[in-house]
Amino acid sequence: QYKNHFELILPADTKAPCPWSGILLGLGFVLAPAYWI
């Protein structure tokens, strides 16, 4: 259950709240720009 703890990129189907797709779309394209701008 901890095998991905040192993985910076998680697959899109992960149960964790930080899949690569969410990181790219939700964080990189929306939440981060909205926060800093």
PDB file of all heavy atoms in Angstrom:
ATOM      1  N   GLN A   1       0.813  -1.210   0.000  1.00  0.00           N
ATOM      2  CA  GLN A   1       0.000   0.000   0.000  1.00  0.00           C
ATOM      3  C   GLN A   1       0.852   1.269   0.000  1.00  0.00           C
ATOM      4  O   GLN A   1       0.356   2.360  -0.297  1.00  0.00           O
ATOM      5  CB  GLN A   1      -0.934   0.002   1.210  1.00  0.00           C
ATOM      6  CG  GLN A   1      -0.229   0.142   2.564  1.00  0.00           C
ATOM      7  CD  GLN A   1      -1.180   0.023   3.715  1.00  0.00           C
ATOM      8  OE1 GLN A   1      -1.293  -1.035   4.335  1.00  0.00           O
ATOM      9  NE2 GLN A   1      -1.903   1.090   4.003  1.00  0.00           N
ATOM     10  N   TYR A   2       2.141   1.141   0.318  1.00  0.00           N
ATOM     11  CA  TYR A   2       3.043   2.297   0.338  1.00  0.00           C
ATOM     12  C   TYR A   2       4.069   2.251  -0.790  1.00  0.00           C
ATOM     13  O   TYR A   2       5.050   2.981  -0.758  1.00  0.00           O
ATOM     14  CB  TYR A   2       3.767   2.384   1.686  1.00  0.00           C
ATOM     15  CG  TYR A   2       2.824   2.515   2.860  1.00  0.00           C
ATOM     16  CD1 TYR A   2       2.615   1.446   3.731  1.00  0.00           C
ATOM     17  CD2 TYR A   2       2.121   3.695   3.092  1.00  0.00           C
ATOM     18  CE1 TYR A   2       1.738   1.548   4.805  1.00  0.00           C
ATOM     19  CE2 TYR A   2       1.246   3.807   4.156  1.00  0.00           C
ATOM     20  CZ  TYR A   2       1.063   2.735   5.011  1.00  0.00           C
ATOM     21  OH  TYR A   2       0.191   2.855   6.067  1.00  0.00           O
ATOM     22  N   LYS A   3       3.831   1.403  -1.796  1.00  0.00           N
ATOM     23  CA  LYS A   3       4.823   1.220  -2.860  1.00  0.00           C
ATOM     24  C   LYS A   3       5.000   2.470  -3.722  1.00  0.00           C
ATOM     25  O   LYS A   3       6.041   2.637  -4.365  1.00  0.00           O
ATOM     26  CB  LYS A   3       4.428   0.034  -3.743  1.00  0.00           C
ATOM     27  CG  LYS A   3       3.123   0.239  -4.505  1.00  0.00           C
ATOM     28  CD  LYS A   3       2.771  -0.980  -5.349  1.00  0.00           C
ATOM     29  CE  LYS A   3       1.459  -0.758  -6.111  1.00  0.00           C
ATOM     30  NZ  LYS A   3       1.107  -1.940  -6.935  1.00  0.00           N
ATOM     31  N   ASN A   4       3.982   3.348  -3.736  1.00  0.00           N
ATOM     32  CA  ASN A   4       4.068   4.564  -4.556  1.00  0.00           C
ATOM     33  C   ASN A   4       4.454   5.804  -3.762  1.00  0.00           C
ATOM     34  O   ASN A   4       4.337   6.921  -4.278  1.00  0.00           O
ATOM     35  CB  ASN A   4       2.726   4.819  -5.257  1.00  0.00           C
ATOM     36  CG  ASN A   4       2.403   3.775  -6.302  1.00  0.00           C
ATOM     37  OD1 ASN A   4       3.304   3.257  -6.970  1.00  0.00           O
ATOM     38  ND2 ASN A   4       1.126   3.453  -6.444  1.00  0.00           N
ATOM     39  N   HIS A   5       4.894   5.635  -2.550  1.00  0.00           N
ATOM     40  CA  HIS A   5       5.163   6.792  -1.700  1.00  0.00           C
ATOM     41  C   HIS A   5       6.336   7.650  -2.186  1.00  0.00           C
ATOM     42  O   HIS A   5       6.472   8.800  -1.753  1.00  0.00           O
ATOM     43  CB  HIS A   5       5.390   6.351  -0.251  1.00  0.00           C
ATOM     44  CG  HIS A   5       4.209   6.638   0.628  1.00  0.00           C
ATOM     45  ND1 HIS A   5       2.944   6.172   0.352  1.00  0.00           N
ATOM     46  CD2 HIS A   5       4.081   7.370   1.762  1.00  0.00           C
ATOM     47  CE1 HIS A   5       2.101   6.584   1.282  1.00  0.00           C
ATOM     48  NE2 HIS A   5       2.770   7.317   2.147  1.00  0.00           N
ATOM     49  N   PHE A   6       7.174   7.097  -3.050  1.00  0.00           N
ATOM     50  CA  PHE A   6       8.276   7.883  -3.596  1.00  0.00           C
ATOM     51  C   PHE A   6       8.100   8.118  -5.098  1.00  0.00           C
ATOM     52  O   PHE A   6       9.064   8.431  -5.797  1.00  0.00           O
ATOM     53  CB  PHE A   6       9.622   7.205  -3.301  1.00  0.00           C
ATOM     54  CG  PHE A   6       9.949   7.187  -1.835  1.00  0.00           C
ATOM     55  CD1 PHE A   6       9.824   6.015  -1.097  1.00  0.00           C
ATOM     56  CD2 PHE A   6      10.359   8.337  -1.182  1.00  0.00           C
ATOM     57  CE1 PHE A   6      10.112   5.984   0.262  1.00  0.00           C
ATOM     58  CE2 PHE A   6      10.644   8.321   0.175  1.00  0.00           C
ATOM     59  CZ  PHE A   6      10.526   7.146   0.904  1.00  0.00           C
ATOM     60  N   GLU A   7       6.848   7.978  -5.565  1.00  0.00           N
ATOM     61  CA  GLU A   7       6.536   8.242  -6.966  1.00  0.00           C
ATOM     62  C   GLU A   7       5.963   9.657  -7.095  1.00  0.00           C
ATOM     63  O   GLU A   7       4.967   9.984  -6.472  1.00  0.00           O
ATOM     64  CB  GLU A   7       5.516   7.228  -7.498  1.00  0.00           C
ATOM     65  CG  GLU A   7       6.020   5.790  -7.511  1.00  0.00           C
ATOM     66  CD  GLU A   7       7.128   5.573  -8.527  1.00  0.00           C
ATOM     67  OE1 GLU A   7       7.156   6.325  -9.541  1.00  0.00           O
ATOM     68  OE2 GLU A   7       7.961   4.672  -8.309  1.00  0.00           O
ATOM     69  N   LEU A   8       6.604  10.465  -7.926  1.00  0.00           N
ATOM     70  CA  LEU A   8       6.153  11.839  -8.093  1.00  0.00           C
ATOM     71  C   LEU A   8       4.930  11.930  -9.005  1.00  0.00           C
ATOM     72  O   LEU A   8       4.139  12.870  -8.896  1.00  0.00           O
ATOM     73  CB  LEU A   8       7.288  12.698  -8.666  1.00  0.00           C
ATOM     74  CG  LEU A   8       7.168  14.213  -8.522  1.00  0.00           C
ATOM     75  CD1 LEU A   8       7.018  14.620  -7.071  1.00  0.00           C
ATOM     76  CD2 LEU A   8       8.370  14.905  -9.156  1.00  0.00           C
ATOM     77  N   ILE A   9       4.754  10.959  -9.888  1.00  0.00           N
ATOM     78  CA  ILE A   9       3.618  10.919 -10.807  1.00  0.00           C
ATOM     79  C   ILE A   9       2.815   9.653 -10.526  1.00  0.00           C
ATOM     80  O   ILE A   9       3.350   8.546 -10.607  1.00  0.00           O
ATOM     81  CB  ILE A   9       4.078  10.923 -12.277  1.00  0.00           C
ATOM     82  CG1 ILE A   9       4.978  12.128 -12.550  1.00  0.00           C
ATOM     83  CG2 ILE A   9       2.873  10.900 -13.204  1.00  0.00           C
ATOM     84  CD1 ILE A   9       4.286  13.463 -12.392  1.00  0.00           C
ATOM     85  N   LEU A  10       1.529   9.804 -10.215  1.00  0.00           N
ATOM     86  CA  LEU A  10       0.651   8.667  -9.950  1.00  0.00           C
ATOM     87  C   LEU A  10      -0.298   8.458 -11.124  1.00  0.00           C
ATOM     88  O   LEU A  10      -0.681   9.417 -11.804  1.00  0.00           O
ATOM     89  CB  LEU A  10      -0.159   8.909  -8.670  1.00  0.00           C
ATOM     90  CG  LEU A  10       0.640   9.029  -7.367  1.00  0.00           C
ATOM     91  CD1 LEU A  10      -0.309   9.215  -6.184  1.00  0.00           C
ATOM     92  CD2 LEU A  10       1.518   7.813  -7.144  1.00  0.00           C
ATOM     93  N   PRO A  11      -0.692   7.209 -11.403  1.00  0.00           N
ATOM     94  CA  PRO A  11      -1.572   6.933 -12.538  1.00  0.00           C
ATOM     95  C   PRO A  11      -2.939   7.592 -12.384  1.00  0.00           C
ATOM     96  O   PRO A  11      -3.370   7.915 -11.274  1.00  0.00           O
ATOM     97  CB  PRO A  11      -1.683   5.403 -12.537  1.00  0.00           C
ATOM     98  CG  PRO A  11      -1.313   4.985 -11.149  1.00  0.00           C
ATOM     99  CD  PRO A  11      -0.315   5.982 -10.669  1.00  0.00           C
ATOM    100  N   ALA A  12      -3.617   7.773 -13.518  1.00  0.00           N
ATOM    101  CA  ALA A  12      -4.905   8.462 -13.513  1.00  0.00           C
ATOM    102  C   ALA A  12      -5.973   7.697 -12.746  1.00  0.00           C
ATOM    103  O   ALA A  12      -6.933   8.293 -12.245  1.00  0.00           O
ATOM    104  CB  ALA A  12      -5.375   8.710 -14.946  1.00  0.00           C
ATOM    105  N   ASP A  13      -5.840   6.373 -12.634  1.00  0.00           N
ATOM    106  CA  ASP A  13      -6.863   5.573 -11.963  1.00  0.00           C
ATOM    107  C   ASP A  13      -6.561   5.334 -10.485  1.00  0.00           C
ATOM    108  O   ASP A  13      -7.194   4.512  -9.845  1.00  0.00           O
ATOM    109  CB  ASP A  13      -7.033   4.226 -12.672  1.00  0.00           C
ATOM    110  CG  ASP A  13      -5.741   3.400 -12.689  1.00  0.00           C
ATOM    111  OD1 ASP A  13      -4.684   3.939 -12.279  1.00  0.00           O
ATOM    112  OD2 ASP A  13      -5.789   2.231 -13.113  1.00  0.00           O
ATOM    113  N   THR A  14      -5.587   6.055  -9.924  1.00  0.00           N
ATOM    114  CA  THR A  14      -5.275   5.890  -8.510  1.00  0.00           C
ATOM    115  C   THR A  14      -6.419   6.396  -7.641  1.00  0.00           C
ATOM    116  O   THR A  14      -7.175   7.283  -8.039  1.00  0.00           O
ATOM    117  CB  THR A  14      -3.987   6.646  -8.143  1.00  0.00           C
ATOM    118  OG1 THR A  14      -3.703   6.439  -6.747  1.00  0.00           O
ATOM    119  CG2 THR A  14      -4.139   8.135  -8.381  1.00  0.00           C
ATOM    120  N   LYS A  15      -6.544   5.829  -6.447  1.00  0.00           N
ATOM    121  CA  LYS A  15      -7.552   6.273  -5.496  1.00  0.00           C
ATOM    122  C   LYS A  15      -7.082   7.498  -4.708  1.00  0.00           C
ATOM    123  O   LYS A  15      -7.875   8.147  -4.028  1.00  0.00           O
ATOM    124  CB  LYS A  15      -7.905   5.150  -4.524  1.00  0.00           C
ATOM    125  CG  LYS A  15      -8.575   3.940  -5.196  1.00  0.00           C
ATOM    126  CD  LYS A  15      -9.909   4.305  -5.793  1.00  0.00           C
ATOM    127  CE  LYS A  15     -10.600   3.077  -6.400  1.00  0.00           C
ATOM    128  NZ  LYS A  15     -11.888   3.430  -7.036  1.00  0.00           N
ATOM    129  N   ALA A  16      -5.798   7.780  -4.782  1.00  0.00           N
ATOM    130  CA  ALA A  16      -5.255   8.949  -4.097  1.00  0.00           C
ATOM    131  C   ALA A  16      -5.795  10.217  -4.759  1.00  0.00           C
ATOM    132  O   ALA A  16      -6.161  10.211  -5.939  1.00  0.00           O
ATOM    133  CB  ALA A  16      -3.733   8.923  -4.163  1.00  0.00           C
ATOM    134  N   PRO A  17      -5.837  11.350  -4.023  1.00  0.00           N
ATOM    135  CA  PRO A  17      -6.414  12.576  -4.589  1.00  0.00           C
ATOM    136  C   PRO A  17      -5.470  13.321  -5.529  1.00  0.00           C
ATOM    137  O   PRO A  17      -5.776  14.452  -5.896  1.00  0.00           O
ATOM    138  CB  PRO A  17      -6.703  13.415  -3.330  1.00  0.00           C
ATOM    139  CG  PRO A  17      -5.715  12.954  -2.332  1.00  0.00           C
ATOM    140  CD  PRO A  17      -5.509  11.492  -2.595  1.00  0.00           C
ATOM    141  N   CYS A  18      -4.361  12.727  -5.934  1.00  0.00           N
ATOM    142  CA  CYS A  18      -3.373  13.436  -6.746  1.00  0.00           C
ATOM    143  C   CYS A  18      -2.935  12.644  -7.975  1.00  0.00           C
ATOM    144  O   CYS A  18      -1.729  12.447  -8.195  1.00  0.00           O
ATOM    145  CB  CYS A  18      -2.132  13.760  -5.902  1.00  0.00           C
ATOM    146  SG  CYS A  18      -2.487  14.554  -4.336  1.00  0.00           S
ATOM    147  N   PRO A  19      -3.841  12.146  -8.826  1.00  0.00           N
ATOM    148  CA  PRO A  19      -3.425  11.476 -10.059  1.00  0.00           C
ATOM    149  C   PRO A  19      -2.788  12.482 -11.008  1.00  0.00           C
ATOM    150  O   PRO A  19      -3.025  13.689 -10.903  1.00  0.00           O
ATOM    151  CB  PRO A  19      -4.746  10.937 -10.616  1.00  0.00           C
ATOM    152  CG  PRO A  19      -5.775  11.874 -10.089  1.00  0.00           C
ATOM    153  CD  PRO A  19      -5.306  12.284  -8.722  1.00  0.00           C
ATOM    154  N   TRP A  20      -1.996  11.985 -11.973  1.00  0.00           N
ATOM    155  CA  TRP A  20      -1.307  12.904 -12.875  1.00  0.00           C
ATOM    156  C   TRP A  20      -2.286  13.784 -13.638  1.00  0.00           C
ATOM    157  O   TRP A  20      -2.009  14.982 -13.879  1.00  0.00           O
ATOM    158  CB  TRP A  20      -0.422  12.138 -13.850  1.00  0.00           C
ATOM    159  CG  TRP A  20      -1.172  11.390 -14.935  1.00  0.00           C
ATOM    160  CD1 TRP A  20      -1.539  10.085 -14.939  1.00  0.00           C
ATOM    161  CD2 TRP A  20      -1.658  11.959 -16.169  1.00  0.00           C
ATOM    162  NE1 TRP A  20      -2.228   9.773 -16.088  1.00  0.00           N
ATOM    163  CE2 TRP A  20      -2.314  10.911 -16.863  1.00  0.00           C
ATOM    164  CE3 TRP A  20      -1.612  13.217 -16.745  1.00  0.00           C
ATOM    165  CZ2 TRP A  20      -2.917  11.106 -18.107  1.00  0.00           C
ATOM    166  CZ3 TRP A  20      -2.217  13.412 -17.988  1.00  0.00           C
ATOM    167  CH2 TRP A  20      -2.852  12.360 -18.657  1.00  0.00           C
ATOM    168  N   SER A  21      -3.443  13.234 -13.998  1.00  0.00           N
ATOM    169  CA  SER A  21      -4.424  14.007 -14.748  1.00  0.00           C
ATOM    170  C   SER A  21      -4.991  15.151 -13.908  1.00  0.00           C
ATOM    171  O   SER A  21      -5.172  16.274 -14.387  1.00  0.00           O
ATOM    172  CB  SER A  21      -5.553  13.091 -15.229  1.00  0.00           C
ATOM    173  OG  SER A  21      -6.076  12.332 -14.148  1.00  0.00           O
ATOM    174  N   GLY A  22      -5.249  14.876 -12.636  1.00  0.00           N
ATOM    175  CA  GLY A  22      -5.736  15.922 -11.749  1.00  0.00           C
ATOM    176  C   GLY A  22      -4.678  16.971 -11.469  1.00  0.00           C
ATOM    177  O   GLY A  22      -4.967  18.175 -11.422  1.00  0.00           O
ATOM    178  N   ILE A  23      -3.433  16.513 -11.291  1.00  0.00           N
ATOM    179  CA  ILE A  23      -2.326  17.438 -11.061  1.00  0.00           C
ATOM    180  C   ILE A  23      -2.163  18.378 -12.256  1.00  0.00           C
ATOM    181  O   ILE A  23      -2.000  19.597 -12.103  1.00  0.00           O
ATOM    182  CB  ILE A  23      -1.014  16.660 -10.822  1.00  0.00           C
ATOM    183  CG1 ILE A  23      -1.060  15.937  -9.468  1.00  0.00           C
ATOM    184  CG2 ILE A  23       0.193  17.586 -10.890  1.00  0.00           C
ATOM    185  CD1 ILE A  23      -1.015  16.842  -8.265  1.00  0.00           C
ATOM    186  N   LEU A  24      -2.212  17.816 -13.471  1.00  0.00           N
ATOM    187  CA  LEU A  24      -2.009  18.628 -14.675  1.00  0.00           C
ATOM    188  C   LEU A  24      -3.182  19.572 -14.921  1.00  0.00           C
ATOM    189  O   LEU A  24      -2.990  20.784 -15.100  1.00  0.00           O
ATOM    190  CB  LEU A  24      -1.808  17.717 -15.886  1.00  0.00           C
ATOM    191  CG  LEU A  24      -1.651  18.431 -17.237  1.00  0.00           C
ATOM    192  CD1 LEU A  24      -0.394  19.287 -17.242  1.00  0.00           C
ATOM    193  CD2 LEU A  24      -1.638  17.419 -18.378  1.00  0.00           C
ATOM    194  N   LEU A  25      -4.408  19.021 -14.936  1.00  0.00           N
ATOM    195  CA  LEU A  25      -5.581  19.817 -15.303  1.00  0.00           C
ATOM    196  C   LEU A  25      -6.063  20.691 -14.144  1.00  0.00           C
ATOM    197  O   LEU A  25      -6.199  21.909 -14.277  1.00  0.00           O
ATOM    198  CB  LEU A  25      -6.703  18.896 -15.782  1.00  0.00           C
ATOM    199  CG  LEU A  25      -6.398  18.035 -17.012  1.00  0.00           C
ATOM    200  CD1 LEU A  25      -7.567  17.101 -17.311  1.00  0.00           C
ATOM    201  CD2 LEU A  25      -6.090  18.901 -18.223  1.00  0.00           C
ATOM    202  N   GLY A  26      -6.348  20.050 -13.009  1.00  0.00           N
ATOM    203  CA  GLY A  26      -6.929  20.790 -11.896  1.00  0.00           C
ATOM    204  C   GLY A  26      -5.949  21.712 -11.202  1.00  0.00           C
ATOM    205  O   GLY A  26      -6.272  22.860 -10.887  1.00  0.00           O
ATOM    206  N   LEU A  27      -4.721  21.214 -10.967  1.00  0.00           N
ATOM    207  CA  LEU A  27      -3.727  22.019 -10.248  1.00  0.00           C
ATOM    208  C   LEU A  27      -2.958  22.932 -11.199  1.00  0.00           C
ATOM    209  O   LEU A  27      -2.946  24.152 -11.027  1.00  0.00           O
ATOM    210  CB  LEU A  27      -2.763  21.105  -9.502  1.00  0.00           C
ATOM    211  CG  LEU A  27      -1.633  21.811  -8.726  1.00  0.00           C
ATOM    212  CD1 LEU A  27      -2.223  22.695  -7.630  1.00  0.00           C
ATOM    213  CD2 LEU A  27      -0.676  20.795  -8.133  1.00  0.00           C
ATOM    214  N   GLY A  28      -2.303  22.334 -12.201  1.00  0.00           N
ATOM    215  CA  GLY A  28      -1.436  23.116 -13.079  1.00  0.00           C
ATOM    216  C   GLY A  28      -2.167  24.155 -13.899  1.00  0.00           C
ATOM    217  O   GLY A  28      -1.659  25.255 -14.119  1.00  0.00           O
ATOM    218  N   PHE A  29      -3.394  23.824 -14.362  1.00  0.00           N
ATOM    219  CA  PHE A  29      -4.116  24.732 -15.249  1.00  0.00           C
ATOM    220  C   PHE A  29      -5.140  25.610 -14.542  1.00  0.00           C
ATOM    221  O   PHE A  29      -5.568  26.614 -15.109  1.00  0.00           O
ATOM    222  CB  PHE A  29      -4.840  23.940 -16.341  1.00  0.00           C
ATOM    223  CG  PHE A  29      -3.924  23.346 -17.377  1.00  0.00           C
ATOM    224  CD1 PHE A  29      -4.389  22.406 -18.276  1.00  0.00           C
ATOM    225  CD2 PHE A  29      -2.588  23.717 -17.443  1.00  0.00           C
ATOM    226  CE1 PHE A  29      -3.556  21.849 -19.232  1.00  0.00           C
ATOM    227  CE2 PHE A  29      -1.737  23.166 -18.396  1.00  0.00           C
ATOM    228  CZ  PHE A  29      -2.219  22.232 -19.289  1.00  0.00           C
ATOM    229  N   VAL A  30      -5.564  25.243 -13.323  1.00  0.00           N
ATOM    230  CA  VAL A  30      -6.646  25.996 -12.678  1.00  0.00           C
ATOM    231  C   VAL A  30      -6.275  26.501 -11.284  1.00  0.00           C
ATOM    232  O   VAL A  30      -6.131  27.706 -11.071  1.00  0.00           O
ATOM    233  CB  VAL A  30      -7.942  25.154 -12.603  1.00  0.00           C
ATOM    234  CG1 VAL A  30      -9.055  25.964 -11.944  1.00  0.00           C
ATOM    235  CG2 VAL A  30      -8.376  24.716 -13.985  1.00  0.00           C
ATOM    236  N   LEU A  31      -6.151  25.587 -10.319  1.00  0.00           N
ATOM    237  CA  LEU A  31      -5.985  26.028  -8.935  1.00  0.00           C
ATOM    238  C   LEU A  31      -4.726  26.866  -8.730  1.00  0.00           C
ATOM    239  O   LEU A  31      -4.748  27.877  -8.032  1.00  0.00           O
ATOM    240  CB  LEU A  31      -5.970  24.815  -8.003  1.00  0.00           C
ATOM    241  CG  LEU A  31      -7.326  24.134  -7.745  1.00  0.00           C
ATOM    242  CD1 LEU A  31      -7.164  22.967  -6.788  1.00  0.00           C
ATOM    243  CD2 LEU A  31      -8.337  25.132  -7.192  1.00  0.00           C
ATOM    244  N   ALA A  32      -3.624  26.445  -9.342  1.00  0.00           N
ATOM    245  CA  ALA A  32      -2.380  27.204  -9.168  1.00  0.00           C
ATOM    246  C   ALA A  32      -2.462  28.596  -9.795  1.00  0.00           C
ATOM    247  O   ALA A  32      -2.163  29.602  -9.124  1.00  0.00           O
ATOM    248  CB  ALA A  32      -1.203  26.416  -9.738  1.00  0.00           C
ATOM    249  N   PRO A  33      -2.865  28.713 -11.077  1.00  0.00           N
ATOM    250  CA  PRO A  33      -3.001  30.062 -11.630  1.00  0.00           C
ATOM    251  C   PRO A  33      -4.017  30.920 -10.879  1.00  0.00           C
ATOM    252  O   PRO A  33      -3.791  32.118 -10.659  1.00  0.00           O
ATOM    253  CB  PRO A  33      -3.459  29.803 -13.078  1.00  0.00           C
ATOM    254  CG  PRO A  33      -2.981  28.433 -13.388  1.00  0.00           C
ATOM    255  CD  PRO A  33      -3.089  27.674 -12.097  1.00  0.00           C
ATOM    256  N   ALA A  34      -5.144  30.315 -10.497  1.00  0.00           N
ATOM    257  CA  ALA A  34      -6.155  31.079  -9.760  1.00  0.00           C
ATOM    258  C   ALA A  34      -5.603  31.591  -8.438  1.00  0.00           C
ATOM    259  O   ALA A  34      -5.904  32.712  -8.016  1.00  0.00           O
ATOM    260  CB  ALA A  34      -7.390  30.210  -9.518  1.00  0.00           C
ATOM    261  N   TYR A  35      -4.780  30.777  -7.792  1.00  0.00           N
ATOM    262  CA  TYR A  35      -4.235  31.157  -6.486  1.00  0.00           C
ATOM    263  C   TYR A  35      -3.223  32.280  -6.613  1.00  0.00           C
ATOM    264  O   TYR A  35      -3.276  33.269  -5.879  1.00  0.00           O
ATOM    265  CB  TYR A  35      -3.594  29.931  -5.835  1.00  0.00           C
ATOM    266  CG  TYR A  35      -3.142  30.172  -4.417  1.00  0.00           C
ATOM    267  CD1 TYR A  35      -4.030  30.037  -3.352  1.00  0.00           C
ATOM    268  CD2 TYR A  35      -1.827  30.542  -4.135  1.00  0.00           C
ATOM    269  CE1 TYR A  35      -3.620  30.261  -2.051  1.00  0.00           C
ATOM    270  CE2 TYR A  35      -1.413  30.769  -2.833  1.00  0.00           C
ATOM    271  CZ  TYR A  35      -2.316  30.629  -1.798  1.00  0.00           C
ATOM    272  OH  TYR A  35      -1.909  30.868  -0.514  1.00  0.00           O
ATOM    273  N   TRP A  36      -2.294  32.162  -7.561  1.00  0.00           N
ATOM    274  CA  TRP A  36      -1.209  33.136  -7.656  1.00  0.00           C
ATOM    275  C   TRP A  36      -1.571  34.368  -8.469  1.00  0.00           C
ATOM    276  O   TRP A  36      -0.893  35.390  -8.387  1.00  0.00           O
ATOM    277  CB  TRP A  36       0.039  32.470  -8.221  1.00  0.00           C
ATOM    278  CG  TRP A  36       0.635  31.501  -7.253  1.00  0.00           C
ATOM    279  CD1 TRP A  36       0.498  30.145  -7.255  1.00  0.00           C
ATOM    280  CD2 TRP A  36       1.426  31.811  -6.106  1.00  0.00           C
ATOM    281  NE1 TRP A  36       1.159  29.600  -6.175  1.00  0.00           N
ATOM    282  CE2 TRP A  36       1.737  30.592  -5.452  1.00  0.00           C
ATOM    283  CE3 TRP A  36       1.913  32.996  -5.560  1.00  0.00           C
ATOM    284  CZ2 TRP A  36       2.511  30.533  -4.297  1.00  0.00           C
ATOM    285  CZ3 TRP A  36       2.680  32.949  -4.401  1.00  0.00           C
ATOM    286  CH2 TRP A  36       2.964  31.734  -3.789  1.00  0.00           C
ATOM    287  N   ILE A  37      -2.645  34.288  -9.250  1.00  0.00           N
ATOM    288  CA  ILE A  37      -3.059  35.443 -10.040  1.00  0.00           C
ATOM    289  C   ILE A  37      -4.251  36.150  -9.411  1.00  0.00           C
ATOM    290  O   ILE A  37      -4.354  37.375  -9.479  1.00  0.00           O
ATOM    291  CB  ILE A  37      -3.408  35.008 -11.487  1.00  0.00           C
ATOM    292  CG1 ILE A  37      -2.158  34.498 -12.200  1.00  0.00           C
ATOM    293  CG2 ILE A  37      -4.025  36.168 -12.274  1.00  0.00           C
ATOM    294  CD1 ILE A  37      -2.440  33.837 -13.537  1.00  0.00           C
TER     295      ILE A  37
END
